[in-house]
PDB file of N, CA and C in Angstrom:
ATOM      1  N   MET A   1       4.352  -3.943   2.779  1.00  0.00           N
ATOM      2  CA  MET A   1       4.909  -4.992   1.927  1.00  0.00           C
ATOM      3  C   MET A   1       3.891  -5.420   0.873  1.00  0.00           C
ATOM      4  N   VAL A   2       4.348  -5.583  -0.338  1.00  0.00           N
ATOM      5  CA  VAL A   2       3.487  -6.058  -1.404  1.00  0.00           C
ATOM      6  C   VAL A   2       3.472  -7.538  -1.390  1.00  0.00           C
ATOM      7  N   ALA A   3       2.264  -8.152  -1.593  1.00  0.00           N
ATOM      8  CA  ALA A   3       2.131  -9.595  -1.635  1.00  0.00           C
ATOM      9  C   ALA A   3       1.043  -9.922  -2.653  1.00  0.00           C
ATOM     10  N   TYR A   4       0.926 -11.206  -2.964  1.00  0.00           N
ATOM     11  CA  TYR A   4      -0.057 -11.689  -3.907  1.00  0.00           C
ATOM     12  C   TYR A   4      -0.865 -12.810  -3.258  1.00  0.00           C
ATOM     13  N   GLU A   5      -2.168 -12.667  -3.285  1.00  0.00           N
ATOM     14  CA  GLU A   5      -3.035 -13.709  -2.795  1.00  0.00           C
ATOM     15  C   GLU A   5      -3.447 -14.568  -3.976  1.00  0.00           C
ATOM     16  N   PHE A   6      -3.193 -15.857  -3.920  1.00  0.00           N
ATOM     17  CA  PHE A   6      -3.495 -16.754  -4.995  1.00  0.00           C
ATOM     18  C   PHE A   6      -4.803 -17.533  -4.664  1.00  0.00           C
ATOM     19  N   TYR A   7      -5.678 -17.603  -5.654  1.00  0.00           N
ATOM     20  CA  TYR A   7      -6.945 -18.290  -5.499  1.00  0.00           C
ATOM     21  C   TYR A   7      -7.150 -19.305  -6.605  1.00  0.00           C
ATOM     22  N   VAL A   8      -7.935 -20.350  -6.315  1.00  0.00           N
ATOM     23  CA  VAL A   8      -8.387 -21.278  -7.320  1.00  0.00           C
ATOM     24  C   VAL A   8      -9.874 -20.981  -7.536  1.00  0.00           C
ATOM     25  N   ASP A   9     -10.274 -20.889  -8.781  1.00  0.00           N
ATOM     26  CA  ASP A   9     -11.644 -20.617  -9.138  1.00  0.00           C
ATOM     27  C   ASP A   9     -12.305 -21.918  -9.533  1.00  0.00           C
ATOM     28  N   HIS A  10     -13.149 -22.414  -8.692  1.00  0.00           N
ATOM     29  CA  HIS A  10     -13.964 -23.621  -9.048  1.00  0.00           C
ATOM     30  C   HIS A  10     -15.302 -23.090  -9.562  1.00  0.00           C
ATOM     31  N   ARG A  11     -15.636 -23.527 -10.712  1.00  0.00           N
ATOM     32  CA  ARG A  11     -16.818 -22.960 -11.364  1.00  0.00           C
ATOM     33  C   ARG A  11     -18.111 -23.118 -10.575  1.00  0.00           C
ATOM     34  N   SER A  12     -18.200 -24.133  -9.811  1.00  0.00           N
ATOM     35  CA  SER A  12     -19.456 -24.341  -9.027  1.00  0.00           C
ATOM     36  C   SER A  12     -19.372 -23.724  -7.624  1.00  0.00           C
ATOM     37  N   LYS A  13     -18.243 -23.233  -7.222  1.00  0.00           N
ATOM     38  CA  LYS A  13     -18.058 -22.676  -5.914  1.00  0.00           C
ATOM     39  C   LYS A  13     -17.427 -21.309  -5.959  1.00  0.00           C
ATOM     40  N   LYS A  14     -17.366 -20.632  -4.844  1.00  0.00           N
ATOM     41  CA  LYS A  14     -16.640 -19.339  -4.829  1.00  0.00           C
ATOM     42  C   LYS A  14     -15.122 -19.639  -4.802  1.00  0.00           C
ATOM     43  N   PRO A  15     -14.325 -18.731  -5.270  1.00  0.00           N
ATOM     44  CA  PRO A  15     -12.876 -18.926  -5.287  1.00  0.00           C
ATOM     45  C   PRO A  15     -12.268 -19.208  -3.912  1.00  0.00           C
ATOM     46  N   ASN A  16     -11.333 -20.071  -3.858  1.00  0.00           N
ATOM     47  CA  ASN A  16     -10.695 -20.478  -2.596  1.00  0.00           C
ATOM     48  C   ASN A  16      -9.271 -19.909  -2.520  1.00  0.00           C
ATOM     49  N   LEU A  17      -8.933 -19.239  -1.431  1.00  0.00           N
ATOM     50  CA  LEU A  17      -7.570 -18.736  -1.234  1.00  0.00           C
ATOM     51  C   LEU A  17      -6.672 -19.935  -0.946  1.00  0.00           C
ATOM     52  N   ILE A  18      -5.558 -20.039  -1.726  1.00  0.00           N
ATOM     53  CA  ILE A  18      -4.679 -21.193  -1.518  1.00  0.00           C
ATOM     54  C   ILE A  18      -3.328 -20.783  -1.037  1.00  0.00           C
ATOM     55  N   GLY A  19      -2.998 -19.471  -1.060  1.00  0.00           N
ATOM     56  CA  GLY A  19      -1.696 -19.077  -0.558  1.00  0.00           C
ATOM     57  C   GLY A  19      -1.449 -17.578  -0.763  1.00  0.00           C
ATOM     58  N   ILE A  20      -0.521 -17.079   0.027  1.00  0.00           N
ATOM     59  CA  ILE A  20      -0.118 -15.693  -0.103  1.00  0.00           C
ATOM     60  C   ILE A  20       1.397 -15.678  -0.190  1.00  0.00           C
ATOM     61  N   LEU A  21       1.916 -15.023  -1.245  1.00  0.00           N
ATOM     62  CA  LEU A  21       3.381 -14.882  -1.412  1.00  0.00           C
ATOM     63  C   LEU A  21       3.798 -13.480  -1.397  1.00  0.00           C
ATOM     64  N   PRO A  22       4.827 -13.171  -0.580  1.00  0.00           N
ATOM     65  CA  PRO A  22       5.341 -11.784  -0.544  1.00  0.00           C
ATOM     66  C   PRO A  22       6.238 -11.456  -1.714  1.00  0.00           C
ATOM     67  N   GLU A  23       6.118 -10.280  -2.247  1.00  0.00           N
ATOM     68  CA  GLU A  23       7.017  -9.871  -3.332  1.00  0.00           C
ATOM     69  C   GLU A  23       8.335  -9.436  -2.695  1.00  0.00           C
ATOM     70  N   ARG A  24       9.445 -10.008  -3.193  1.00  0.00           N
ATOM     71  CA  ARG A  24      10.768  -9.697  -2.661  1.00  0.00           C
ATOM     72  C   ARG A  24      11.742  -9.169  -3.747  1.00  0.00           C
ATOM     73  N   ARG A  25      11.311  -9.173  -4.939  1.00  0.00           N
ATOM     74  CA  ARG A  25      12.189  -8.733  -6.036  1.00  0.00           C
ATOM     75  C   ARG A  25      12.426  -7.203  -5.923  1.00  0.00           C
ATOM     76  N   LYS A  26      13.602  -6.797  -6.059  1.00  0.00           N
ATOM     77  CA  LYS A  26      13.966  -5.369  -5.981  1.00  0.00           C
ATOM     78  C   LYS A  26      13.803  -4.670  -7.358  1.00  0.00           C
ATOM     79  N   ASP A  27      14.038  -5.429  -8.418  1.00  0.00           N
ATOM     80  CA  ASP A  27      13.997  -4.897  -9.732  1.00  0.00           C
ATOM     81  C   ASP A  27      12.562  -5.001 -10.294  1.00  0.00           C
ATOM     82  N   SER A  28      11.798  -3.908 -10.289  1.00  0.00           N
ATOM     83  CA  SER A  28      10.398  -3.943 -10.659  1.00  0.00           C
ATOM     84  C   SER A  28      10.193  -4.330 -12.128  1.00  0.00           C
ATOM     85  N   SER A  29      11.219  -4.156 -12.975  1.00  0.00           N
ATOM     86  CA  SER A  29      11.043  -4.550 -14.346  1.00  0.00           C
ATOM     87  C   SER A  29      10.892  -6.079 -14.552  1.00  0.00           C
ATOM     88  N   ARG A  30      11.268  -6.826 -13.532  1.00  0.00           N
ATOM     89  CA  ARG A  30      11.137  -8.296 -13.598  1.00  0.00           C
ATOM     90  C   ARG A  30       9.751  -8.750 -13.130  1.00  0.00           C
ATOM     91  N   ILE A  31       8.947  -7.825 -12.593  1.00  0.00           N
ATOM     92  CA  ILE A  31       7.636  -8.239 -12.058  1.00  0.00           C
ATOM     93  C   ILE A  31       6.565  -8.030 -13.155  1.00  0.00           C
ATOM     94  N   THR A  32       6.082  -9.205 -13.638  1.00  0.00           N
ATOM     95  CA  THR A  32       5.084  -9.154 -14.685  1.00  0.00           C
ATOM     96  C   THR A  32       3.979 -10.113 -14.251  1.00  0.00           C
ATOM     97  N   ARG A  33       2.806  -9.981 -14.884  1.00  0.00           N
ATOM     98  CA  ARG A  33       1.730 -10.914 -14.564  1.00  0.00           C
ATOM     99  C   ARG A  33       2.156 -12.338 -14.788  1.00  0.00           C
ATOM    100  N   GLU A  34       2.853 -12.558 -15.901  1.00  0.00           N
ATOM    101  CA  GLU A  34       3.287 -13.952 -16.217  1.00  0.00           C
ATOM    102  C   GLU A  34       4.277 -14.469 -15.142  1.00  0.00           C
ATOM    103  N   SER A  35       5.262 -13.630 -14.692  1.00  0.00           N
ATOM    104  CA  SER A  35       6.194 -14.073 -13.687  1.00  0.00           C
ATOM    105  C   SER A  35       5.502 -14.398 -12.372  1.00  0.00           C
ATOM    106  N   ILE A  36       4.525 -13.581 -11.997  1.00  0.00           N
ATOM    107  CA  ILE A  36       3.742 -13.815 -10.777  1.00  0.00           C
ATOM    108  C   ILE A  36       2.969 -15.153 -10.871  1.00  0.00           C
ATOM    109  N   MET A  37       2.302 -15.371 -12.032  1.00  0.00           N
ATOM    110  CA  MET A  37       1.536 -16.615 -12.212  1.00  0.00           C
ATOM    111  C   MET A  37       2.489 -17.808 -12.207  1.00  0.00           C
ATOM    112  N   ASN A  38       3.660 -17.746 -12.897  1.00  0.00           N
ATOM    113  CA  ASN A  38       4.584 -18.856 -12.838  1.00  0.00           C
ATOM    114  C   ASN A  38       5.066 -19.149 -11.457  1.00  0.00           C
ATOM    115  N   TRP A  39       5.316 -18.154 -10.686  1.00  0.00           N
ATOM    116  CA  TRP A  39       5.765 -18.328  -9.306  1.00  0.00           C
ATOM    117  C   TRP A  39       4.643 -18.955  -8.469  1.00  0.00           C
ATOM    118  N   GLY A  40       3.410 -18.451  -8.595  1.00  0.00           N
ATOM    119  CA  GLY A  40       2.327 -19.028  -7.877  1.00  0.00           C
ATOM    120  C   GLY A  40       2.053 -20.491  -8.222  1.00  0.00           C
ATOM    121  N   ARG A  41       2.124 -20.833  -9.506  1.00  0.00           N
ATOM    122  CA  ARG A  41       1.902 -22.200  -9.922  1.00  0.00           C
ATOM    123  C   ARG A  41       2.981 -23.133  -9.327  1.00  0.00           C
ATOM    124  N   SER A  42       4.223 -22.650  -9.336  1.00  0.00           N
ATOM    125  CA  SER A  42       5.301 -23.490  -8.856  1.00  0.00           C
ATOM    126  C   SER A  42       5.323 -23.632  -7.286  1.00  0.00           C
ATOM    127  N   VAL A  43       4.844 -22.635  -6.611  1.00  0.00           N
ATOM    128  CA  VAL A  43       4.938 -22.673  -5.123  1.00  0.00           C
ATOM    129  C   VAL A  43       3.615 -23.149  -4.489  1.00  0.00           C
ATOM    130  N   VAL A  44       2.510 -22.671  -4.867  1.00  0.00           N
ATOM    131  CA  VAL A  44       1.242 -22.935  -4.164  1.00  0.00           C
ATOM    132  C   VAL A  44       0.214 -23.680  -4.950  1.00  0.00           C
ATOM    133  N   ALA A  45       0.393 -23.877  -6.239  1.00  0.00           N
ATOM    134  CA  ALA A  45      -0.654 -24.456  -7.054  1.00  0.00           C
ATOM    135  C   ALA A  45      -0.172 -25.589  -7.965  1.00  0.00           C
ATOM    136  N   HIS A  46       0.531 -26.533  -7.410  1.00  0.00           N
ATOM    137  CA  HIS A  46       0.955 -27.670  -8.236  1.00  0.00           C
ATOM    138  C   HIS A  46      -0.249 -28.383  -8.794  1.00  0.00           C
ATOM    139  N   GLY A  47      -0.276 -28.555 -10.098  1.00  0.00           N
ATOM    140  CA  GLY A  47      -1.385 -29.303 -10.744  1.00  0.00           C
ATOM    141  C   GLY A  47      -2.632 -28.479 -11.014  1.00  0.00           C
ATOM    142  N   VAL A  48      -2.648 -27.207 -10.685  1.00  0.00           N
ATOM    143  CA  VAL A  48      -3.833 -26.421 -10.997  1.00  0.00           C
ATOM    144  C   VAL A  48      -3.646 -25.803 -12.386  1.00  0.00           C
ATOM    145  N   GLY A  49      -4.670 -25.973 -13.180  1.00  0.00           N
ATOM    146  CA  GLY A  49      -4.593 -25.395 -14.540  1.00  0.00           C
ATOM    147  C   GLY A  49      -4.542 -23.922 -14.530  1.00  0.00           C
ATOM    148  N   PHE A  50      -3.947 -23.347 -15.582  1.00  0.00           N
ATOM    149  CA  PHE A  50      -3.785 -21.881 -15.684  1.00  0.00           C
ATOM    150  C   PHE A  50      -5.134 -21.170 -15.536  1.00  0.00           C
ATOM    151  N   ASN A  51      -6.190 -21.750 -16.135  1.00  0.00           N
ATOM    152  CA  ASN A  51      -7.517 -21.117 -16.089  1.00  0.00           C
ATOM    153  C   ASN A  51      -8.134 -21.095 -14.737  1.00  0.00           C
ATOM    154  N   GLY A  52      -7.712 -22.018 -13.838  1.00  0.00           N
ATOM    155  CA  GLY A  52      -8.288 -22.052 -12.500  1.00  0.00           C
ATOM    156  C   GLY A  52      -7.557 -21.222 -11.465  1.00  0.00           C
ATOM    157  N   LEU A  53      -6.428 -20.657 -11.791  1.00  0.00           N
ATOM    158  CA  LEU A  53      -5.611 -19.985 -10.842  1.00  0.00           C
ATOM    159  C   LEU A  53      -5.600 -18.464 -11.147  1.00  0.00           C
ATOM    160  N   PHE A  54      -5.804 -17.648 -10.134  1.00  0.00           N
ATOM    161  CA  PHE A  54      -5.639 -16.214 -10.355  1.00  0.00           C
ATOM    162  C   PHE A  54      -5.092 -15.570  -9.070  1.00  0.00           C
ATOM    163  N   PHE A  55      -4.646 -14.332  -9.133  1.00  0.00           N
ATOM    164  CA  PHE A  55      -4.139 -13.649  -7.982  1.00  0.00           C
ATOM    165  C   PHE A  55      -4.643 -12.258  -7.871  1.00  0.00           C
ATOM    166  N   THR A  56      -4.578 -11.697  -6.640  1.00  0.00           N
ATOM    167  CA  THR A  56      -4.811 -10.295  -6.457  1.00  0.00           C
ATOM    168  C   THR A  56      -3.564  -9.738  -5.700  1.00  0.00           C
ATOM    169  N   LYS A  57      -3.248  -8.528  -6.090  1.00  0.00           N
ATOM    170  CA  LYS A  57      -2.139  -7.856  -5.432  1.00  0.00           C
ATOM    171  C   LYS A  57      -2.689  -7.192  -4.172  1.00  0.00           C
ATOM    172  N   VAL A  58      -1.985  -7.334  -3.070  1.00  0.00           N
ATOM    173  CA  VAL A  58      -2.427  -6.719  -1.764  1.00  0.00           C
ATOM    174  C   VAL A  58      -1.226  -6.092  -1.123  1.00  0.00           C
ATOM    175  N   ILE A  59      -1.487  -5.232  -0.225  1.00  0.00           N
ATOM    176  CA  ILE A  59      -0.446  -4.586   0.619  1.00  0.00           C
ATOM    177  C   ILE A  59      -0.638  -5.128   2.049  1.00  0.00           C
ATOM    178  N   ILE A  60       0.437  -5.571   2.668  1.00  0.00           N
ATOM    179  CA  ILE A  60       0.414  -6.086   4.039  1.00  0.00           C
ATOM    180  C   ILE A  60       1.077  -5.017   4.919  1.00  0.00           C
ATOM    181  N   ASP A  61       0.369  -4.471   5.864  1.00  0.00           N
ATOM    182  CA  ASP A  61       0.914  -3.515   6.780  1.00  0.00           C
ATOM    183  C   ASP A  61       2.042  -4.136   7.604  1.00  0.00           C
ATOM    184  N   ASP A  62       3.255  -3.584   7.545  1.00  0.00           N
ATOM    185  CA  ASP A  62       4.365  -4.143   8.229  1.00  0.00           C
ATOM    186  C   ASP A  62       4.228  -4.137   9.751  1.00  0.00           C
ATOM    187  N   ASP A  63       3.476  -3.165  10.257  1.00  0.00           N
ATOM    188  CA  ASP A  63       3.318  -3.033  11.708  1.00  0.00           C
ATOM    189  C   ASP A  63       2.212  -3.932  12.255  1.00  0.00           C
ATOM    190  N   THR A  64       1.090  -4.000  11.561  1.00  0.00           N
ATOM    191  CA  THR A  64      -0.066  -4.719  12.098  1.00  0.00           C
ATOM    192  C   THR A  64      -0.270  -6.078  11.432  1.00  0.00           C
ATOM    193  N   GLY A  65       0.296  -6.308  10.219  1.00  0.00           N
ATOM    194  CA  GLY A  65       0.041  -7.551   9.513  1.00  0.00           C
ATOM    195  C   GLY A  65      -1.241  -7.571   8.775  1.00  0.00           C
ATOM    196  N   ARG A  66      -1.991  -6.457   8.851  1.00  0.00           N
ATOM    197  CA  ARG A  66      -3.297  -6.364   8.211  1.00  0.00           C
ATOM    198  C   ARG A  66      -3.162  -6.308   6.680  1.00  0.00           C
ATOM    199  N   VAL A  67      -4.021  -7.070   5.993  1.00  0.00           N
ATOM    200  CA  VAL A  67      -4.028  -7.130   4.555  1.00  0.00           C
ATOM    201  C   VAL A  67      -4.940  -6.031   4.035  1.00  0.00           C
ATOM    202  N   ILE A  68      -4.416  -5.248   3.044  1.00  0.00           N
ATOM    203  CA  ILE A  68      -5.176  -4.176   2.451  1.00  0.00           C
ATOM    204  C   ILE A  68      -5.162  -4.448   0.959  1.00  0.00           C
ATOM    205  N   ASN A  69      -6.345  -4.530   0.351  1.00  0.00           N
ATOM    206  CA  ASN A  69      -6.419  -4.762  -1.145  1.00  0.00           C
ATOM    207  C   ASN A  69      -5.812  -3.578  -1.822  1.00  0.00           C
ATOM    208  N   ASP A  70      -5.053  -3.854  -2.884  1.00  0.00           N
ATOM    209  CA  ASP A  70      -4.446  -2.775  -3.644  1.00  0.00           C
ATOM    210  C   ASP A  70      -5.321  -2.518  -4.913  1.00  0.00           C
ATOM    211  N   ASP A  71      -6.112  -1.485  -4.803  1.00  0.00           N
ATOM    212  CA  ASP A  71      -7.096  -1.203  -5.867  1.00  0.00           C
ATOM    213  C   ASP A  71      -6.448  -0.401  -7.035  1.00  0.00           C
ATOM    214  N   HIS A  72      -5.143  -0.161  -6.955  1.00  0.00           N
ATOM    215  CA  HIS A  72      -4.513   0.641  -7.982  1.00  0.00           C
ATOM    216  C   HIS A  72      -4.078  -0.165  -9.184  1.00  0.00           C
ATOM    217  N   GLU A  73      -4.152  -1.461  -9.166  1.00  0.00           N
ATOM    218  CA  GLU A  73      -3.716  -2.314 -10.314  1.00  0.00           C
ATOM    219  C   GLU A  73      -4.867  -2.851 -11.021  1.00  0.00           C
TER     220      GLU A  73
END
């Protein structure tokens, strides 16, 4: 399963994981960096400025639940 880990980057500290959202859209043409960021801001990052929020795409193994970084993007 594809998912996105959302982080807040505090300049004086290391980035903090604030949430993980699974990708459920079937139409891949709707999946853009902007749509992912808008979704993350609305669900897990209320009040976080655009510059402080970022995400990484990960793969979650459906059998084990283990998170694997997706280095292909």
